[in-house]
Amino acid sequence: MGSVTDEALMDLFCQGDHSAFEALFGRHAGRVHGFLARMVRDGPLAEDLMQTTFLSVIRARGRYEPGTRFTPWLLTIAANAARDALRHQQHVDAHAHAPPEGLTSVPAPEGDPVLRRRIEDALQQLPLEQREAVVLSKLEGWSFEEIAELRGIRAGAARLRAHRGYERLRELLGGLEEV
């Protein structure tokens, strides 16, 4: 089905040809995943959203109008899935997953309020998930397993968030030996 257009494949799929859907998936899965990864900046979430997108294509095939350009239609479905996921994530982060009160406050380095302020400013520049992992692990002494349990993620994901946060802090604090 290499020379058949996407629109013709979608028409065939709407008529019940499941191999046409497989061909569309094969042609577009990589592109959709790349698009979603840039939208949500989270590989596993992008993978889930790609699956959701193609499941939506299956469910919406009865509403697909012949002659509609397939790629823009597909990417619209993907963009809507990404927006929904980001809205949900923002809602969850803002309400259920806000760090405990006072968590982002940095203990004052002995006798150096300028250094304290510099560290606090750098922490605020980290994405929320990285900032939280750094603060919980370095300042609160939590294990990655404890952070993972709190967030409902794997310990490796918590470790990765913290590691990325540490690396970014090193860049932001340039020249300080220990964060």
C-alpha atoms as a PDB file:
ATOM      1  CA  MET A   1       0.000   0.000   0.000  1.00  0.00           C
ATOM      2  CA  GLY A   2       3.033   2.217  -0.455  1.00  0.00           C
ATOM      3  CA  SER A   3       1.685   4.260  -3.388  1.00  0.00           C
ATOM      4  CA  VAL A   4      -1.807   4.671  -1.962  1.00  0.00           C
ATOM      5  CA  THR A   5      -2.523   8.106  -0.467  1.00  0.00           C
ATOM      6  CA  ASP A   6      -3.297   8.549   3.219  1.00  0.00           C
ATOM      7  CA  GLU A   7      -6.768   9.723   2.300  1.00  0.00           C
ATOM      8  CA  ALA A   8      -7.407   6.608   0.208  1.00  0.00           C
ATOM      9  CA  LEU A   9      -6.117   4.428   3.067  1.00  0.00           C
ATOM     10  CA  MET A  10      -8.452   6.184   5.483  1.00  0.00           C
ATOM     11  CA  ASP A  11     -11.361   5.658   3.096  1.00  0.00           C
ATOM     12  CA  LEU A  12     -10.465   1.937   2.925  1.00  0.00           C
ATOM     13  CA  PHE A  13     -10.238   1.770   6.708  1.00  0.00           C
ATOM     14  CA  CYS A  14     -13.646   3.423   7.037  1.00  0.00           C
ATOM     15  CA  GLN A  15     -14.978   0.620   4.823  1.00  0.00           C
ATOM     16  CA  GLY A  16     -13.557  -1.996   7.180  1.00  0.00           C
ATOM     17  CA  ASP A  17     -10.063  -2.690   5.785  1.00  0.00           C
ATOM     18  CA  HIS A  18      -7.943  -3.058   8.934  1.00  0.00           C
ATOM     19  CA  SER A  19      -4.719  -3.427   6.966  1.00  0.00           C
ATOM     20  CA  ALA A  20      -5.286   0.147   5.757  1.00  0.00           C
ATOM     21  CA  PHE A  21      -5.237   1.319   9.377  1.00  0.00           C
ATOM     22  CA  GLU A  22      -2.018  -0.629   9.982  1.00  0.00           C
ATOM     23  CA  ALA A  23      -0.478   1.121   6.979  1.00  0.00           C
ATOM     24  CA  LEU A  24      -1.547   4.543   8.284  1.00  0.00           C
ATOM     25  CA  PHE A  25      -0.149   3.700  11.711  1.00  0.00           C
ATOM     26  CA  GLY A  26       3.142   2.587  10.156  1.00  0.00           C
ATOM     27  CA  ARG A  27       3.409   5.781   8.119  1.00  0.00           C
ATOM     28  CA  HIS A  28       2.507   8.223  10.877  1.00  0.00           C
ATOM     29  CA  ALA A  29       3.337   6.757  14.295  1.00  0.00           C
ATOM     30  CA  GLY A  30       6.865   8.203  14.356  1.00  0.00           C
ATOM     31  CA  ARG A  31       5.730  11.642  13.283  1.00  0.00           C
ATOM     32  CA  VAL A  32       2.854  11.707  15.770  1.00  0.00           C
ATOM     33  CA  HIS A  33       5.128  10.537  18.589  1.00  0.00           C
ATOM     34  CA  GLY A  34       7.708  13.231  17.755  1.00  0.00           C
ATOM     35  CA  PHE A  35       5.008  15.879  17.672  1.00  0.00           C
ATOM     36  CA  LEU A  36       3.576  14.754  21.001  1.00  0.00           C
ATOM     37  CA  ALA A  37       7.013  14.499  22.633  1.00  0.00           C
ATOM     38  CA  ARG A  38       7.652  18.138  21.750  1.00  0.00           C
ATOM     39  CA  MET A  39       4.227  19.129  23.031  1.00  0.00           C
ATOM     40  CA  VAL A  40       4.342  17.397  26.411  1.00  0.00           C
ATOM     41  CA  ARG A  41       8.116  17.039  26.922  1.00  0.00           C
ATOM     42  CA  ASP A  42       7.648  13.615  28.462  1.00  0.00           C
ATOM     43  CA  GLY A  43       8.551  10.497  26.461  1.00  0.00           C
ATOM     44  CA  PRO A  44       6.335   7.973  28.262  1.00  0.00           C
ATOM     45  CA  LEU A  45       3.388  10.370  28.216  1.00  0.00           C
ATOM     46  CA  ALA A  46       3.972  11.027  24.504  1.00  0.00           C
ATOM     47  CA  GLU A  47       3.897   7.266  23.892  1.00  0.00           C
ATOM     48  CA  ASP A  48       0.597   6.962  25.779  1.00  0.00           C
ATOM     49  CA  LEU A  49      -0.856   9.920  23.894  1.00  0.00           C
ATOM     50  CA  MET A  50       0.233   8.442  20.563  1.00  0.00           C
ATOM     51  CA  GLN A  51      -1.721   5.293  21.396  1.00  0.00           C
ATOM     52  CA  THR A  52      -4.671   7.431  22.495  1.00  0.00           C
ATOM     53  CA  THR A  53      -4.490   9.374  19.224  1.00  0.00           C
ATOM     54  CA  PHE A  54      -4.649   6.267  17.067  1.00  0.00           C
ATOM     55  CA  LEU A  55      -7.393   4.804  19.234  1.00  0.00           C
ATOM     56  CA  SER A  56      -9.304   8.037  18.612  1.00  0.00           C
ATOM     57  CA  VAL A  57      -8.768   7.581  14.870  1.00  0.00           C
ATOM     58  CA  ILE A  58     -10.387   4.156  15.152  1.00  0.00           C
ATOM     59  CA  ARG A  59     -13.304   5.529  17.148  1.00  0.00           C
ATOM     60  CA  ALA A  60     -13.769   8.592  14.913  1.00  0.00           C
ATOM     61  CA  ARG A  61     -13.575   6.776  11.580  1.00  0.00           C
ATOM     62  CA  GLY A  62     -17.348   7.049  11.236  1.00  0.00           C
ATOM     63  CA  ARG A  63     -17.034  10.846  11.412  1.00  0.00           C
ATOM     64  CA  TYR A  64     -14.139  11.095   8.957  1.00  0.00           C
ATOM     65  CA  GLU A  65     -15.343  12.850   5.817  1.00  0.00           C
ATOM     66  CA  PRO A  66     -13.981  11.538   2.513  1.00  0.00           C
ATOM     67  CA  GLY A  67     -11.680  14.094   0.929  1.00  0.00           C
ATOM     68  CA  THR A  68     -10.492  15.476   4.266  1.00  0.00           C
ATOM     69  CA  ARG A  69      -6.699  15.738   4.337  1.00  0.00           C
ATOM     70  CA  PHE A  70      -5.605  12.958   6.662  1.00  0.00           C
ATOM     71  CA  THR A  71      -2.386  14.344   8.183  1.00  0.00           C
ATOM     72  CA  PRO A  72      -3.865  17.624   9.482  1.00  0.00           C
ATOM     73  CA  TRP A  73      -6.883  15.678  10.793  1.00  0.00           C
ATOM     74  CA  LEU A  74      -4.585  13.213  12.578  1.00  0.00           C
ATOM     75  CA  LEU A  75      -2.366  15.937  14.066  1.00  0.00           C
ATOM     76  CA  THR A  76      -5.446  17.808  15.275  1.00  0.00           C
ATOM     77  CA  ILE A  77      -6.498  14.699  17.186  1.00  0.00           C
ATOM     78  CA  ALA A  78      -2.956  14.396  18.590  1.00  0.00           C
ATOM     79  CA  ALA A  79      -2.832  18.092  19.568  1.00  0.00           C
ATOM     80  CA  ASN A  80      -6.170  17.812  21.359  1.00  0.00           C
ATOM     81  CA  ALA A  81      -4.919  14.768  23.274  1.00  0.00           C
ATOM     82  CA  ALA A  82      -1.761  16.665  24.266  1.00  0.00           C
ATOM     83  CA  ARG A  83      -3.702  19.737  25.388  1.00  0.00           C
ATOM     84  CA  ASP A  84      -6.048  17.601  27.460  1.00  0.00           C
ATOM     85  CA  ALA A  85      -3.105  15.837  29.101  1.00  0.00           C
ATOM     86  CA  LEU A  86      -1.302  19.117  29.843  1.00  0.00           C
ATOM     87  CA  ARG A  87      -4.454  20.661  31.303  1.00  0.00           C
ATOM     88  CA  HIS A  88      -4.958  17.583  33.469  1.00  0.00           C
ATOM     89  CA  GLN A  89      -1.309  17.624  34.544  1.00  0.00           C
ATOM     90  CA  GLN A  90      -1.468  21.335  35.449  1.00  0.00           C
ATOM     91  CA  HIS A  91      -4.661  20.763  37.419  1.00  0.00           C
ATOM     92  CA  VAL A  92      -3.139  17.844  39.298  1.00  0.00           C
ATOM     93  CA  ASP A  93       0.129  19.707  39.938  1.00  0.00           C
ATOM     94  CA  ALA A  94      -1.703  22.784  41.161  1.00  0.00           C
ATOM     95  CA  HIS A  95      -4.028  20.945  43.515  1.00  0.00           C
ATOM     96  CA  ALA A  96      -3.070  17.437  44.519  1.00  0.00           C
ATOM     97  CA  HIS A  97       0.683  17.534  44.081  1.00  0.00           C
ATOM     98  CA  ALA A  98       1.704  20.900  45.457  1.00  0.00           C
ATOM     99  CA  PRO A  99       4.834  20.501  47.566  1.00  0.00           C
ATOM    100  CA  PRO A 100       4.233  20.696  51.308  1.00  0.00           C
ATOM    101  CA  GLU A 101       4.335  24.210  52.747  1.00  0.00           C
ATOM    102  CA  GLY A 102       7.842  25.533  53.212  1.00  0.00           C
ATOM    103  CA  LEU A 103       9.382  22.741  51.161  1.00  0.00           C
ATOM    104  CA  THR A 104      11.123  25.043  48.711  1.00  0.00           C
ATOM    105  CA  SER A 105      12.749  27.095  51.415  1.00  0.00           C
ATOM    106  CA  VAL A 106      16.493  26.526  51.445  1.00  0.00           C
ATOM    107  CA  PRO A 107      18.415  26.268  54.713  1.00  0.00           C
ATOM    108  CA  ALA A 108      20.701  29.266  55.004  1.00  0.00           C
ATOM    109  CA  PRO A 109      24.322  28.444  54.308  1.00  0.00           C
ATOM    110  CA  GLU A 110      26.187  29.470  57.448  1.00  0.00           C
ATOM    111  CA  GLY A 111      26.890  33.194  57.330  1.00  0.00           C
ATOM    112  CA  ASP A 112      26.187  33.658  53.615  1.00  0.00           C
ATOM    113  CA  PRO A 113      22.759  35.147  52.842  1.00  0.00           C
ATOM    114  CA  VAL A 114      23.897  35.996  49.291  1.00  0.00           C
ATOM    115  CA  LEU A 115      24.621  32.337  48.595  1.00  0.00           C
ATOM    116  CA  ARG A 116      21.264  31.326  50.056  1.00  0.00           C
ATOM    117  CA  ARG A 117      19.454  33.773  47.787  1.00  0.00           C
ATOM    118  CA  ARG A 118      21.402  32.545  44.769  1.00  0.00           C
ATOM    119  CA  ILE A 119      20.446  28.926  45.507  1.00  0.00           C
ATOM    120  CA  GLU A 120      16.780  29.847  46.046  1.00  0.00           C
ATOM    121  CA  ASP A 121      16.711  31.756  42.757  1.00  0.00           C
ATOM    122  CA  ALA A 122      18.289  28.816  40.920  1.00  0.00           C
ATOM    123  CA  LEU A 123      15.785  26.375  42.445  1.00  0.00           C
ATOM    124  CA  GLN A 124      12.880  28.493  41.263  1.00  0.00           C
ATOM    125  CA  GLN A 125      14.170  28.250  37.679  1.00  0.00           C
ATOM    126  CA  LEU A 126      13.866  24.460  37.681  1.00  0.00           C
ATOM    127  CA  PRO A 127      10.733  22.812  36.326  1.00  0.00           C
ATOM    128  CA  LEU A 128       8.424  21.905  39.209  1.00  0.00           C
ATOM    129  CA  GLU A 129       9.044  18.150  39.041  1.00  0.00           C
ATOM    130  CA  GLN A 130      12.837  18.635  39.087  1.00  0.00           C
ATOM    131  CA  ARG A 131      12.715  21.240  41.834  1.00  0.00           C
ATOM    132  CA  GLU A 132      10.572  18.973  43.966  1.00  0.00           C
ATOM    133  CA  ALA A 133      12.879  15.967  43.465  1.00  0.00           C
ATOM    134  CA  VAL A 134      15.977  18.031  44.327  1.00  0.00           C
ATOM    135  CA  VAL A 135      14.403  19.585  47.393  1.00  0.00           C
ATOM    136  CA  LEU A 136      13.004  16.302  48.688  1.00  0.00           C
ATOM    137  CA  SER A 137      16.211  14.344  48.127  1.00  0.00           C
ATOM    138  CA  LYS A 138      18.910  16.889  49.015  1.00  0.00           C
ATOM    139  CA  LEU A 139      17.203  19.109  51.545  1.00  0.00           C
ATOM    140  CA  GLU A 140      14.621  16.808  53.101  1.00  0.00           C
ATOM    141  CA  GLY A 141      16.689  13.612  52.887  1.00  0.00           C
ATOM    142  CA  TRP A 142      13.993  11.525  51.170  1.00  0.00           C
ATOM    143  CA  SER A 143      14.979   8.398  49.256  1.00  0.00           C
ATOM    144  CA  PHE A 144      14.102   8.122  45.584  1.00  0.00           C
ATOM    145  CA  GLU A 145      11.702   5.323  46.504  1.00  0.00           C
ATOM    146  CA  GLU A 146       9.874   7.697  48.879  1.00  0.00           C
ATOM    147  CA  ILE A 147       9.715  10.425  46.226  1.00  0.00           C
ATOM    148  CA  ALA A 148       8.443   7.880  43.704  1.00  0.00           C
ATOM    149  CA  GLU A 149       5.728   6.724  46.082  1.00  0.00           C
ATOM    150  CA  LEU A 150       4.643  10.310  46.733  1.00  0.00           C
ATOM    151  CA  ARG A 151       4.377  11.066  43.012  1.00  0.00           C
ATOM    152  CA  GLY A 152       3.107   7.703  41.806  1.00  0.00           C
ATOM    153  CA  ILE A 153       6.146   7.135  39.573  1.00  0.00           C
ATOM    154  CA  ARG A 154       9.027   4.670  39.480  1.00  0.00           C
ATOM    155  CA  ALA A 155      12.117   5.259  41.628  1.00  0.00           C
ATOM    156  CA  GLY A 156      14.186   5.526  38.444  1.00  0.00           C
ATOM    157  CA  ALA A 157      11.969   8.356  37.225  1.00  0.00           C
ATOM    158  CA  ALA A 158      12.381  10.166  40.560  1.00  0.00           C
ATOM    159  CA  ARG A 159      16.154   9.680  40.337  1.00  0.00           C
ATOM    160  CA  LEU A 160      16.165  11.024  36.777  1.00  0.00           C
ATOM    161  CA  ARG A 161      14.159  14.096  37.776  1.00  0.00           C
ATOM    162  CA  ALA A 162      16.577  14.813  40.603  1.00  0.00           C
ATOM    163  CA  HIS A 163      19.635  14.206  38.403  1.00  0.00           C
ATOM    164  CA  ARG A 164      18.340  16.590  35.750  1.00  0.00           C
ATOM    165  CA  GLY A 165      17.647  19.128  38.470  1.00  0.00           C
ATOM    166  CA  TYR A 166      21.166  18.775  39.892  1.00  0.00           C
ATOM    167  CA  GLU A 167      22.678  19.226  36.427  1.00  0.00           C
ATOM    168  CA  ARG A 168      20.593  22.321  35.770  1.00  0.00           C
ATOM    169  CA  LEU A 169      21.496  23.747  39.186  1.00  0.00           C
ATOM    170  CA  ARG A 170      25.184  23.243  38.411  1.00  0.00           C
ATOM    171  CA  GLU A 171      24.706  25.266  35.233  1.00  0.00           C
ATOM    172  CA  LEU A 172      22.716  27.989  36.984  1.00  0.00           C
ATOM    173  CA  LEU A 173      25.054  28.246  39.947  1.00  0.00           C
ATOM    174  CA  GLY A 174      28.199  27.988  37.792  1.00  0.00           C
ATOM    175  CA  GLY A 175      31.347  27.584  39.825  1.00  0.00           C
ATOM    176  CA  LEU A 176      29.879  26.358  43.099  1.00  0.00           C
ATOM    177  CA  GLU A 177      31.339  22.968  43.991  1.00  0.00           C
ATOM    178  CA  GLU A 178      28.422  21.583  46.014  1.00  0.00           C
ATOM    179  CA  VAL A 179      24.714  22.159  45.520  1.00  0.00           C
END
